[in-house]
Amino acid sequence: MKVVIVVNMEEEAYIYYLVGQNLKRLRKEKGLTQEAFASQCTYALGFIMNIESKRYKQTFSLGTVWHFSRVLGVDIKEFFKPLDEES
C-alpha cells in the first residue's frame, strides 16, 4: 500500500515538500542515485532519502539547498518550481 501525505500549500511543510520533490527530479535528470548524490554532497544517505520522501518531513537550511544547487550544477530557483500535478 502506497501512502502519500498531502501537503497544503499554505503550511510551512509545503516548502520542504516542494524542494524535496524538485531535488528528486533534478537528481534523476543528472542520472544520480540517492547514494551517489549523498556522497557528492557529503551528506548522509538517510538525510537525502528523508528530504525526497513523500511520507516524512525533513527540515533543512537554505544553505543546504544552495549546496545541492552547486553539486547538481543548477540554479537554486530550480528547487522552488511548481510541481507537475501528475507526479
N, C-alpha and C. Protein backbone atom coordinates (compact mmCIF):
# COMPACT_ATOMS: atom_id res chain seq x y z
N MET A 1 0.84 -1.18 0.00
CA MET A 1 0.00 0.00 0.00
C MET A 1 0.89 1.24 0.00
N LYS A 2 0.65 2.12 -0.93
CA LYS A 2 1.42 3.36 -1.04
C LYS A 2 0.73 4.46 -0.25
N VAL A 3 1.48 5.07 0.65
CA VAL A 3 0.94 6.16 1.46
C VAL A 3 1.56 7.46 0.99
N VAL A 4 0.73 8.42 0.64
CA VAL A 4 1.20 9.74 0.22
C VAL A 4 0.56 10.78 1.11
N ILE A 5 1.38 11.62 1.69
CA ILE A 5 0.88 12.69 2.54
C ILE A 5 0.59 13.90 1.66
N VAL A 6 -0.59 14.41 1.77
CA VAL A 6 -0.96 15.61 1.03
C VAL A 6 -0.58 16.82 1.87
N VAL A 7 0.19 17.71 1.28
CA VAL A 7 0.66 18.88 2.00
C VAL A 7 -0.05 20.11 1.45
N ASN A 8 -0.70 20.83 2.32
CA ASN A 8 -1.39 22.06 1.96
C ASN A 8 -0.36 23.14 1.63
N MET A 9 -0.55 23.83 0.53
CA MET A 9 0.38 24.87 0.12
C MET A 9 0.48 26.01 1.12
N GLU A 10 -0.49 26.11 1.99
CA GLU A 10 -0.50 27.18 2.99
C GLU A 10 0.30 26.82 4.25
N GLU A 11 0.75 25.58 4.33
CA GLU A 11 1.51 25.13 5.50
C GLU A 11 3.00 25.25 5.26
N GLU A 12 3.73 25.48 6.33
CA GLU A 12 5.20 25.57 6.25
C GLU A 12 5.80 24.30 5.67
N ALA A 13 5.22 23.16 5.96
CA ALA A 13 5.74 21.88 5.48
C ALA A 13 5.79 21.83 3.96
N TYR A 14 4.98 22.62 3.29
CA TYR A 14 4.93 22.58 1.83
C TYR A 14 6.27 22.93 1.20
N ILE A 15 6.98 23.90 1.73
CA ILE A 15 8.24 24.32 1.11
C ILE A 15 9.27 23.19 1.18
N TYR A 16 9.25 22.43 2.26
CA TYR A 16 10.17 21.29 2.37
C TYR A 16 9.78 20.20 1.38
N TYR A 17 8.49 19.98 1.23
CA TYR A 17 7.98 19.00 0.27
C TYR A 17 8.35 19.43 -1.15
N LEU A 18 8.11 20.69 -1.48
CA LEU A 18 8.41 21.23 -2.81
C LEU A 18 9.88 21.05 -3.16
N VAL A 19 10.76 21.48 -2.26
CA VAL A 19 12.20 21.36 -2.51
C VAL A 19 12.59 19.90 -2.63
N GLY A 20 12.04 19.06 -1.77
CA GLY A 20 12.37 17.64 -1.80
C GLY A 20 11.99 16.96 -3.10
N GLN A 21 10.81 17.27 -3.60
CA GLN A 21 10.36 16.66 -4.85
C GLN A 21 11.14 17.20 -6.05
N ASN A 22 11.50 18.48 -6.00
CA ASN A 22 12.33 19.04 -7.07
C ASN A 22 13.75 18.49 -6.99
N LEU A 23 14.27 18.27 -5.80
CA LEU A 23 15.58 17.64 -5.66
C LEU A 23 15.56 16.26 -6.32
N LYS A 24 14.54 15.49 -6.03
CA LYS A 24 14.42 14.15 -6.60
C LYS A 24 14.42 14.21 -8.12
N ARG A 25 13.64 15.13 -8.68
CA ARG A 25 13.58 15.30 -10.14
C ARG A 25 14.93 15.68 -10.72
N LEU A 26 15.56 16.69 -10.13
CA LEU A 26 16.84 17.18 -10.63
C LEU A 26 17.94 16.12 -10.51
N ARG A 27 17.95 15.42 -9.40
CA ARG A 27 18.96 14.37 -9.18
C ARG A 27 18.82 13.29 -10.24
N LYS A 28 17.58 12.87 -10.51
CA LYS A 28 17.33 11.84 -11.52
C LYS A 28 17.70 12.33 -12.91
N GLU A 29 17.42 13.60 -13.20
CA GLU A 29 17.77 14.17 -14.51
C GLU A 29 19.28 14.12 -14.73
N LYS A 30 20.04 14.22 -13.66
CA LYS A 30 21.50 14.16 -13.73
C LYS A 30 22.02 12.73 -13.70
N GLY A 31 21.09 11.76 -13.58
CA GLY A 31 21.47 10.36 -13.60
C GLY A 31 22.14 9.88 -12.32
N LEU A 32 21.84 10.54 -11.20
CA LEU A 32 22.45 10.17 -9.93
C LEU A 32 21.50 9.38 -9.05
N THR A 33 22.02 8.36 -8.41
CA THR A 33 21.25 7.67 -7.38
C THR A 33 21.29 8.52 -6.12
N GLN A 34 20.42 8.21 -5.17
CA GLN A 34 20.46 8.92 -3.89
C GLN A 34 21.82 8.72 -3.22
N GLU A 35 22.33 7.52 -3.31
CA GLU A 35 23.62 7.22 -2.68
C GLU A 35 24.76 8.02 -3.31
N ALA A 36 24.81 8.08 -4.63
CA ALA A 36 25.85 8.84 -5.31
C ALA A 36 25.74 10.33 -5.00
N PHE A 37 24.52 10.83 -5.01
CA PHE A 37 24.31 12.25 -4.71
C PHE A 37 24.71 12.58 -3.28
N ALA A 38 24.31 11.73 -2.34
CA ALA A 38 24.67 11.93 -0.94
C ALA A 38 26.19 11.97 -0.78
N SER A 39 26.86 11.09 -1.47
CA SER A 39 28.32 11.04 -1.41
C SER A 39 28.94 12.33 -1.96
N GLN A 40 28.42 12.81 -3.07
CA GLN A 40 28.94 14.04 -3.67
C GLN A 40 28.68 15.26 -2.79
N CYS A 41 27.56 15.23 -2.07
CA CYS A 41 27.19 16.34 -1.20
C CYS A 41 27.87 16.25 0.17
N THR A 42 28.38 15.08 0.49
CA THR A 42 28.91 14.76 1.82
C THR A 42 27.84 14.86 2.90
N TYR A 43 26.62 14.47 2.54
CA TYR A 43 25.51 14.33 3.50
C TYR A 43 25.21 12.85 3.63
N ALA A 44 24.56 12.48 4.73
CA ALA A 44 24.17 11.09 4.95
C ALA A 44 23.08 10.69 3.96
N LEU A 45 23.15 9.45 3.50
CA LEU A 45 22.14 8.92 2.59
C LEU A 45 20.74 9.06 3.19
N GLY A 46 20.59 8.76 4.48
CA GLY A 46 19.29 8.87 5.13
C GLY A 46 18.72 10.27 5.09
N PHE A 47 19.59 11.28 5.18
CA PHE A 47 19.16 12.68 5.11
C PHE A 47 18.57 12.97 3.73
N ILE A 48 19.25 12.54 2.68
CA ILE A 48 18.75 12.74 1.32
C ILE A 48 17.45 11.97 1.12
N MET A 49 17.40 10.74 1.59
CA MET A 49 16.18 9.94 1.46
C MET A 49 15.00 10.62 2.16
N ASN A 50 15.23 11.16 3.34
CA ASN A 50 14.17 11.83 4.08
C ASN A 50 13.70 13.09 3.37
N ILE A 51 14.62 13.85 2.80
CA ILE A 51 14.24 15.08 2.08
C ILE A 51 13.35 14.74 0.89
N GLU A 52 13.68 13.69 0.17
CA GLU A 52 12.92 13.31 -1.03
C GLU A 52 11.64 12.53 -0.73
N SER A 53 11.48 12.11 0.50
CA SER A 53 10.33 11.28 0.87
C SER A 53 9.02 12.06 0.81
N LYS A 54 7.96 11.38 0.37
CA LYS A 54 6.62 11.97 0.39
C LYS A 54 5.93 11.69 1.71
N ARG A 55 6.53 10.86 2.55
CA ARG A 55 5.91 10.46 3.82
C ARG A 55 6.56 11.09 5.04
N TYR A 56 7.68 11.74 4.86
CA TYR A 56 8.43 12.25 6.01
C TYR A 56 8.81 13.69 5.76
N LYS A 57 8.68 14.53 6.76
CA LYS A 57 9.07 15.94 6.63
C LYS A 57 10.45 16.12 7.25
N GLN A 58 11.43 16.30 6.41
CA GLN A 58 12.81 16.56 6.85
C GLN A 58 13.08 18.05 6.66
N THR A 59 13.45 18.72 7.72
CA THR A 59 13.80 20.13 7.59
C THR A 59 15.28 20.25 7.20
N PHE A 60 15.61 21.39 6.62
CA PHE A 60 16.98 21.65 6.19
C PHE A 60 17.11 23.16 5.99
N SER A 61 18.33 23.62 5.87
CA SER A 61 18.56 25.05 5.74
C SER A 61 18.60 25.50 4.28
N LEU A 62 18.49 26.78 4.09
CA LEU A 62 18.63 27.35 2.75
C LEU A 62 20.05 27.11 2.24
N GLY A 63 21.01 27.10 3.15
CA GLY A 63 22.39 26.79 2.77
C GLY A 63 22.51 25.38 2.20
N THR A 64 21.73 24.46 2.72
CA THR A 64 21.72 23.10 2.19
C THR A 64 21.20 23.09 0.76
N VAL A 65 20.15 23.83 0.50
CA VAL A 65 19.59 23.91 -0.86
C VAL A 65 20.62 24.54 -1.80
N TRP A 66 21.31 25.55 -1.33
CA TRP A 66 22.36 26.19 -2.13
C TRP A 66 23.45 25.16 -2.45
N HIS A 67 23.84 24.37 -1.47
CA HIS A 67 24.86 23.34 -1.68
C HIS A 67 24.38 22.32 -2.71
N PHE A 68 23.12 21.90 -2.62
CA PHE A 68 22.55 20.97 -3.60
C PHE A 68 22.65 21.56 -5.01
N SER A 69 22.34 22.86 -5.13
CA SER A 69 22.36 23.50 -6.45
C SER A 69 23.77 23.50 -7.03
N ARG A 70 24.75 23.70 -6.18
CA ARG A 70 26.15 23.70 -6.63
C ARG A 70 26.58 22.31 -7.09
N VAL A 71 26.23 21.30 -6.32
CA VAL A 71 26.60 19.92 -6.66
C VAL A 71 25.93 19.49 -7.97
N LEU A 72 24.67 19.86 -8.15
CA LEU A 72 23.93 19.47 -9.35
C LEU A 72 24.19 20.39 -10.54
N GLY A 73 24.81 21.54 -10.29
CA GLY A 73 25.09 22.49 -11.38
C GLY A 73 23.85 23.15 -11.93
N VAL A 74 22.89 23.45 -11.04
CA VAL A 74 21.65 24.10 -11.46
C VAL A 74 21.44 25.37 -10.64
N ASP A 75 20.61 26.26 -11.16
CA ASP A 75 20.25 27.47 -10.43
C ASP A 75 19.38 27.09 -9.23
N ILE A 76 19.59 27.73 -8.12
CA ILE A 76 18.83 27.42 -6.90
C ILE A 76 17.32 27.58 -7.12
N LYS A 77 16.92 28.42 -8.06
CA LYS A 77 15.49 28.61 -8.35
C LYS A 77 14.81 27.32 -8.80
N GLU A 78 15.58 26.39 -9.34
CA GLU A 78 15.02 25.12 -9.81
C GLU A 78 14.33 24.34 -8.70
N PHE A 79 14.77 24.54 -7.46
CA PHE A 79 14.22 23.81 -6.33
C PHE A 79 12.87 24.35 -5.87
N PHE A 80 12.50 25.50 -6.38
CA PHE A 80 11.25 26.16 -5.96
C PHE A 80 10.21 26.20 -7.08
N LYS A 81 10.45 25.46 -8.16
CA LYS A 81 9.48 25.42 -9.26
C LYS A 81 8.24 24.67 -8.84
N PRO A 82 7.06 25.11 -9.31
CA PRO A 82 5.82 24.38 -9.01
C PRO A 82 5.92 22.95 -9.51
N LEU A 83 5.26 22.07 -8.78
CA LEU A 83 5.29 20.66 -9.14
C LEU A 83 4.26 20.33 -10.19
N ASP A 84 4.59 19.37 -11.04
CA ASP A 84 3.64 18.83 -12.01
C ASP A 84 2.59 18.07 -11.22
N GLU A 85 1.34 18.36 -11.43
CA GLU A 85 0.24 17.76 -10.68
C GLU A 85 0.15 16.25 -10.85
N GLU A 86 0.73 15.71 -11.93
CA GLU A 86 0.65 14.27 -12.18
C GLU A 86 1.70 13.50 -11.40
N SER A 87 2.66 14.15 -10.80
CA SER A 87 3.75 13.46 -10.08
C SER A 87 3.26 12.82 -8.82
